[in-house]
Amino acid sequence: MGKKTFPAPDLRDKLYRGVWRLMNSTLYRAIPTPFFGPRRALLRLFGARIAATAKPYPGARVWAPRNLVMEADSCIADGVICYNVALISIGANATVSQRAHLCTPSHDHRDPAFPLVAAEIRVCRNAWIAAEVFLGPGVEVGETAVVGARAVVFHTVPPNAVVAGNPARVVGLRYQPNA
């Protein structure tokens, strides 16, 4: 999941995102909360790969649906920002809670041209991203892991780990092995 440099967006990309932004700010948001099916259909129309039981909430903001994968029973809650210049994938039964920010791009500050770089974010199955978490480019949150509220994550979170803080660090295990 290494970082890749991205060129400036072309006209086609700008049009795609402009039409999506219009749909997101009107039709997508207007669909009442319990009606996930029409929101899934709208995201799919713009290229998202969404399972039939995924739950995208109306207040979630997705920058580019074509770079979004949501597996069965996954959830992105109200206020979540998916700034997905690169792919964001949410595994089965994973939850991304209110106002979390999943941010795939950054800039190469070592290059004077300051080019846009981006890397995939992966939230594995049964993981929980708590409220107001920030996940940076290239982060993978392992299976059954928990990222505590307002944590800032720039490195891989091991499976079953509970992480918290800024920067996030392991503070425990979600499931304790039998002693």
C-alpha atoms as a PDB file:
ATOM      1  CA  MET A   1       0.000   0.000   0.000  1.00  0.00           C
ATOM      2  CA  GLY A   2       2.774   2.434  -0.893  1.00  0.00           C
ATOM      3  CA  LYS A   3       2.176   6.052  -1.769  1.00  0.00           C
ATOM      4  CA  LYS A   4       1.735   6.930  -5.405  1.00  0.00           C
ATOM      5  CA  THR A   5       2.030  10.374  -7.039  1.00  0.00           C
ATOM      6  CA  PHE A   6      -1.115  11.697  -8.691  1.00  0.00           C
ATOM      7  CA  PRO A   7      -1.256  14.140 -11.616  1.00  0.00           C
ATOM      8  CA  ALA A   8      -3.466  17.231 -11.555  1.00  0.00           C
ATOM      9  CA  PRO A   9      -7.089  16.262 -12.247  1.00  0.00           C
ATOM     10  CA  ASP A  10      -8.211  16.480 -15.871  1.00  0.00           C
ATOM     11  CA  LEU A  11     -11.524  17.888 -17.092  1.00  0.00           C
ATOM     12  CA  ARG A  12     -13.248  14.489 -17.071  1.00  0.00           C
ATOM     13  CA  ASP A  13     -12.253  13.922 -13.424  1.00  0.00           C
ATOM     14  CA  LYS A  14     -13.428  17.414 -12.449  1.00  0.00           C
ATOM     15  CA  LEU A  15     -16.789  16.837 -14.174  1.00  0.00           C
ATOM     16  CA  TYR A  16     -17.234  13.442 -12.476  1.00  0.00           C
ATOM     17  CA  ARG A  17     -16.546  14.932  -9.051  1.00  0.00           C
ATOM     18  CA  GLY A  18     -18.685  18.004  -9.767  1.00  0.00           C
ATOM     19  CA  VAL A  19     -21.729  15.926 -10.741  1.00  0.00           C
ATOM     20  CA  TRP A  20     -21.152  13.629  -7.754  1.00  0.00           C
ATOM     21  CA  ARG A  21     -20.819  16.622  -5.394  1.00  0.00           C
ATOM     22  CA  LEU A  22     -24.177  17.917  -6.651  1.00  0.00           C
ATOM     23  CA  MET A  23     -25.809  14.481  -6.160  1.00  0.00           C
ATOM     24  CA  ASN A  24     -24.177  14.080  -2.728  1.00  0.00           C
ATOM     25  CA  SER A  25     -25.321  17.467  -1.458  1.00  0.00           C
ATOM     26  CA  THR A  26     -28.894  17.039  -2.708  1.00  0.00           C
ATOM     27  CA  LEU A  27     -30.331  13.617  -3.525  1.00  0.00           C
ATOM     28  CA  TYR A  28     -27.958  11.453  -1.434  1.00  0.00           C
ATOM     29  CA  ARG A  29     -28.423  13.551   1.721  1.00  0.00           C
ATOM     30  CA  ALA A  30     -32.191  13.852   1.208  1.00  0.00           C
ATOM     31  CA  ILE A  31     -32.802  10.106   1.375  1.00  0.00           C
ATOM     32  CA  PRO A  32     -34.059   9.382   4.922  1.00  0.00           C
ATOM     33  CA  THR A  33     -31.666   7.494   7.194  1.00  0.00           C
ATOM     34  CA  PRO A  34     -33.307   4.041   7.199  1.00  0.00           C
ATOM     35  CA  PHE A  35     -33.385   3.859   3.372  1.00  0.00           C
ATOM     36  CA  PHE A  36     -29.860   2.612   2.690  1.00  0.00           C
ATOM     37  CA  GLY A  37     -30.779   0.932  -0.622  1.00  0.00           C
ATOM     38  CA  PRO A  38     -31.227   4.119  -2.664  1.00  0.00           C
ATOM     39  CA  ARG A  39     -27.975   5.578  -1.274  1.00  0.00           C
ATOM     40  CA  ARG A  40     -26.138   2.344  -2.149  1.00  0.00           C
ATOM     41  CA  ALA A  41     -27.604   2.534  -5.666  1.00  0.00           C
ATOM     42  CA  LEU A  42     -26.503   6.154  -6.075  1.00  0.00           C
ATOM     43  CA  LEU A  43     -22.971   5.348  -4.890  1.00  0.00           C
ATOM     44  CA  ARG A  44     -22.855   2.371  -7.281  1.00  0.00           C
ATOM     45  CA  LEU A  45     -23.999   4.617 -10.139  1.00  0.00           C
ATOM     46  CA  PHE A  46     -20.824   6.640  -9.504  1.00  0.00           C
ATOM     47  CA  GLY A  47     -18.590   3.559  -9.372  1.00  0.00           C
ATOM     48  CA  ALA A  48     -18.583   2.415  -5.733  1.00  0.00           C
ATOM     49  CA  ARG A  49     -18.509  -1.307  -4.967  1.00  0.00           C
ATOM     50  CA  ILE A  50     -21.055  -1.686  -2.214  1.00  0.00           C
ATOM     51  CA  ALA A  51     -22.513  -4.855  -0.700  1.00  0.00           C
ATOM     52  CA  ALA A  52     -26.290  -5.180  -0.551  1.00  0.00           C
ATOM     53  CA  THR A  53     -26.246  -4.896   3.260  1.00  0.00           C
ATOM     54  CA  ALA A  54     -23.748  -2.023   3.641  1.00  0.00           C
ATOM     55  CA  LYS A  55     -24.987   1.049   5.505  1.00  0.00           C
ATOM     56  CA  PRO A  56     -23.814   4.399   4.089  1.00  0.00           C
ATOM     57  CA  TYR A  57     -25.516   7.089   6.195  1.00  0.00           C
ATOM     58  CA  PRO A  58     -26.875  10.269   4.572  1.00  0.00           C
ATOM     59  CA  GLY A  59     -24.413  12.572   6.339  1.00  0.00           C
ATOM     60  CA  ALA A  60     -21.323  10.661   5.158  1.00  0.00           C
ATOM     61  CA  ARG A  61     -19.237  12.585   2.602  1.00  0.00           C
ATOM     62  CA  VAL A  62     -17.484  10.537  -0.072  1.00  0.00           C
ATOM     63  CA  TRP A  63     -15.073  12.464  -2.312  1.00  0.00           C
ATOM     64  CA  ALA A  64     -14.953   9.882  -5.143  1.00  0.00           C
ATOM     65  CA  PRO A  65     -17.371   6.931  -4.987  1.00  0.00           C
ATOM     66  CA  ARG A  66     -15.319   5.020  -7.600  1.00  0.00           C
ATOM     67  CA  ASN A  67     -12.625   4.677  -4.903  1.00  0.00           C
ATOM     68  CA  LEU A  68     -14.928   3.214  -2.250  1.00  0.00           C
ATOM     69  CA  VAL A  69     -15.533  -0.425  -1.340  1.00  0.00           C
ATOM     70  CA  MET A  70     -17.988  -1.373   1.401  1.00  0.00           C
ATOM     71  CA  GLU A  71     -18.399  -5.064   2.218  1.00  0.00           C
ATOM     72  CA  ALA A  72     -21.416  -6.790   3.832  1.00  0.00           C
ATOM     73  CA  ASP A  73     -22.857  -5.084   6.925  1.00  0.00           C
ATOM     74  CA  SER A  74     -20.167  -2.386   6.950  1.00  0.00           C
ATOM     75  CA  CYS A  75     -21.137   1.121   7.997  1.00  0.00           C
ATOM     76  CA  ILE A  76     -19.973   4.701   7.417  1.00  0.00           C
ATOM     77  CA  ALA A  77     -21.879   6.931   9.841  1.00  0.00           C
ATOM     78  CA  ASP A  78     -23.069  10.513   9.604  1.00  0.00           C
ATOM     79  CA  GLY A  79     -20.291  13.070   9.422  1.00  0.00           C
ATOM     80  CA  VAL A  80     -17.680  10.593   8.166  1.00  0.00           C
ATOM     81  CA  ILE A  81     -15.358  12.084   5.542  1.00  0.00           C
ATOM     82  CA  CYS A  82     -13.933   9.661   2.991  1.00  0.00           C
ATOM     83  CA  TYR A  83     -11.345  11.787   1.189  1.00  0.00           C
ATOM     84  CA  ASN A  84     -10.551   8.955  -1.181  1.00  0.00           C
ATOM     85  CA  VAL A  85      -8.146  10.029  -3.903  1.00  0.00           C
ATOM     86  CA  ALA A  86      -6.919   6.423  -3.500  1.00  0.00           C
ATOM     87  CA  LEU A  87      -9.064   3.427  -2.564  1.00  0.00           C
ATOM     88  CA  ILE A  88     -10.810   3.206   0.800  1.00  0.00           C
ATOM     89  CA  SER A  89     -12.126  -0.255   1.628  1.00  0.00           C
ATOM     90  CA  ILE A  90     -14.332  -1.052   4.597  1.00  0.00           C
ATOM     91  CA  GLY A  91     -14.457  -4.760   5.470  1.00  0.00           C
ATOM     92  CA  ALA A  92     -17.465  -6.854   6.423  1.00  0.00           C
ATOM     93  CA  ASN A  93     -19.077  -5.860   9.742  1.00  0.00           C
ATOM     94  CA  ALA A  94     -16.651  -2.933  10.172  1.00  0.00           C
ATOM     95  CA  THR A  95     -17.984   0.360  11.508  1.00  0.00           C
ATOM     96  CA  VAL A  96     -16.644   3.852  10.891  1.00  0.00           C
ATOM     97  CA  SER A  97     -18.299   6.082  13.501  1.00  0.00           C
ATOM     98  CA  GLN A  98     -19.456   9.696  13.437  1.00  0.00           C
ATOM     99  CA  ARG A  99     -17.128  12.395  12.129  1.00  0.00           C
ATOM    100  CA  ALA A 100     -14.180  10.072  11.479  1.00  0.00           C
ATOM    101  CA  HIS A 101     -11.895  11.311   8.697  1.00  0.00           C
ATOM    102  CA  LEU A 102     -10.341   8.763   6.324  1.00  0.00           C
ATOM    103  CA  CYS A 103      -7.770  10.718   4.308  1.00  0.00           C
ATOM    104  CA  THR A 104      -5.866   8.905   1.532  1.00  0.00           C
ATOM    105  CA  PRO A 105      -3.922  11.882   0.056  1.00  0.00           C
ATOM    106  CA  SER A 106      -1.114  14.094   1.259  1.00  0.00           C
ATOM    107  CA  HIS A 107       1.726  15.995  -0.413  1.00  0.00           C
ATOM    108  CA  ASP A 108       5.372  15.084  -0.780  1.00  0.00           C
ATOM    109  CA  HIS A 109       6.847  17.875   1.323  1.00  0.00           C
ATOM    110  CA  ARG A 110      10.406  16.864   0.312  1.00  0.00           C
ATOM    111  CA  ASP A 111       9.733  17.709  -3.336  1.00  0.00           C
ATOM    112  CA  PRO A 112       9.741  21.451  -4.212  1.00  0.00           C
ATOM    113  CA  ALA A 113       6.840  20.817  -6.613  1.00  0.00           C
ATOM    114  CA  PHE A 114       4.805  19.547  -3.590  1.00  0.00           C
ATOM    115  CA  PRO A 115       3.047  16.804  -5.646  1.00  0.00           C
ATOM    116  CA  LEU A 116      -0.104  15.099  -4.459  1.00  0.00           C
ATOM    117  CA  VAL A 117       0.562  11.575  -3.195  1.00  0.00           C
ATOM    118  CA  ALA A 118      -1.978   9.058  -1.958  1.00  0.00           C
ATOM    119  CA  ALA A 119      -2.153   5.556  -0.541  1.00  0.00           C
ATOM    120  CA  GLU A 120      -5.035   3.180   0.093  1.00  0.00           C
ATOM    121  CA  ILE A 121      -6.774   2.937   3.463  1.00  0.00           C
ATOM    122  CA  ARG A 122      -8.116  -0.460   4.495  1.00  0.00           C
ATOM    123  CA  VAL A 123     -10.404  -1.085   7.474  1.00  0.00           C
ATOM    124  CA  CYS A 124     -10.524  -4.872   7.867  1.00  0.00           C
ATOM    125  CA  ARG A 125     -13.526  -6.954   8.865  1.00  0.00           C
ATOM    126  CA  ASN A 126     -15.072  -6.484  12.324  1.00  0.00           C
ATOM    127  CA  ALA A 127     -12.919  -3.409  13.061  1.00  0.00           C
ATOM    128  CA  TRP A 128     -14.361  -0.361  14.764  1.00  0.00           C
ATOM    129  CA  ILE A 129     -13.228   3.182  14.021  1.00  0.00           C
ATOM    130  CA  ALA A 130     -14.646   5.301  16.860  1.00  0.00           C
ATOM    131  CA  ALA A 131     -15.879   8.899  16.685  1.00  0.00           C
ATOM    132  CA  GLU A 132     -13.651  11.636  15.248  1.00  0.00           C
ATOM    133  CA  VAL A 133     -10.704   9.358  14.430  1.00  0.00           C
ATOM    134  CA  PHE A 134      -8.225  10.455  11.753  1.00  0.00           C
ATOM    135  CA  LEU A 135      -6.781   7.698   9.509  1.00  0.00           C
ATOM    136  CA  GLY A 136      -3.926   8.864   7.287  1.00  0.00           C
ATOM    137  CA  PRO A 137      -2.688   7.594   3.923  1.00  0.00           C
ATOM    138  CA  GLY A 138      -1.613   3.958   3.746  1.00  0.00           C
ATOM    139  CA  VAL A 139      -3.192   2.882   7.037  1.00  0.00           C
ATOM    140  CA  GLU A 140      -4.560  -0.613   7.488  1.00  0.00           C
ATOM    141  CA  VAL A 141      -6.701  -1.305  10.554  1.00  0.00           C
ATOM    142  CA  GLY A 142      -6.479  -5.035  11.256  1.00  0.00           C
ATOM    143  CA  GLU A 143      -9.319  -7.456  11.741  1.00  0.00           C
ATOM    144  CA  THR A 144     -11.306  -6.902  14.993  1.00  0.00           C
ATOM    145  CA  ALA A 145      -9.109  -3.896  15.922  1.00  0.00           C
ATOM    146  CA  VAL A 146     -10.543  -0.834  17.670  1.00  0.00           C
ATOM    147  CA  VAL A 147      -9.336   2.723  17.119  1.00  0.00           C
ATOM    148  CA  GLY A 148     -10.411   4.833  20.102  1.00  0.00           C
ATOM    149  CA  ALA A 149     -12.235   8.149  19.801  1.00  0.00           C
ATOM    150  CA  ARG A 150     -10.194  11.037  18.393  1.00  0.00           C
ATOM    151  CA  ALA A 151      -7.110   8.885  17.783  1.00  0.00           C
ATOM    152  CA  VAL A 152      -4.724   9.916  15.011  1.00  0.00           C
ATOM    153  CA  VAL A 153      -3.397   6.932  13.043  1.00  0.00           C
ATOM    154  CA  PHE A 154      -0.559   6.970  10.502  1.00  0.00           C
ATOM    155  CA  HIS A 155       0.657   3.366  10.841  1.00  0.00           C
ATOM    156  CA  THR A 156      -0.867  -0.088  10.548  1.00  0.00           C
ATOM    157  CA  VAL A 157      -3.026  -1.166  13.479  1.00  0.00           C
ATOM    158  CA  PRO A 158      -2.481  -4.864  14.287  1.00  0.00           C
ATOM    159  CA  PRO A 159      -5.437  -7.257  14.310  1.00  0.00           C
ATOM    160  CA  ASN A 160      -7.336  -7.353  17.631  1.00  0.00           C
ATOM    161  CA  ALA A 161      -5.421  -4.306  18.958  1.00  0.00           C
ATOM    162  CA  VAL A 162      -7.063  -1.396  20.737  1.00  0.00           C
ATOM    163  CA  VAL A 163      -5.283   1.855  19.918  1.00  0.00           C
ATOM    164  CA  ALA A 164      -5.813   5.365  21.261  1.00  0.00           C
ATOM    165  CA  GLY A 165      -4.166   8.756  21.379  1.00  0.00           C
ATOM    166  CA  ASN A 166      -2.230  11.137  19.164  1.00  0.00           C
ATOM    167  CA  PRO A 167      -0.228   9.528  17.761  1.00  0.00           C
ATOM    168  CA  ALA A 168      -2.202   6.325  18.239  1.00  0.00           C
ATOM    169  CA  ARG A 169      -0.511   3.575  20.239  1.00  0.00           C
ATOM    170  CA  VAL A 170      -1.618   0.130  21.360  1.00  0.00           C
ATOM    171  CA  VAL A 171      -3.340   0.283  24.758  1.00  0.00           C
ATOM    172  CA  GLY A 172      -4.777  -3.232  24.902  1.00  0.00           C
ATOM    173  CA  LEU A 173      -6.462  -6.087  23.107  1.00  0.00           C
ATOM    174  CA  ARG A 174     -10.096  -6.243  22.068  1.00  0.00           C
ATOM    175  CA  TYR A 175     -10.453  -9.938  22.883  1.00  0.00           C
ATOM    176  CA  GLN A 176      -8.310 -11.374  25.618  1.00  0.00           C
ATOM    177  CA  PRO A 177      -6.949 -14.866  24.984  1.00  0.00           C
ATOM    178  CA  ASN A 178      -7.933 -17.485  27.586  1.00  0.00           C
ATOM    179  CA  ALA A 179      -5.234 -17.837  30.224  1.00  0.00           C
END
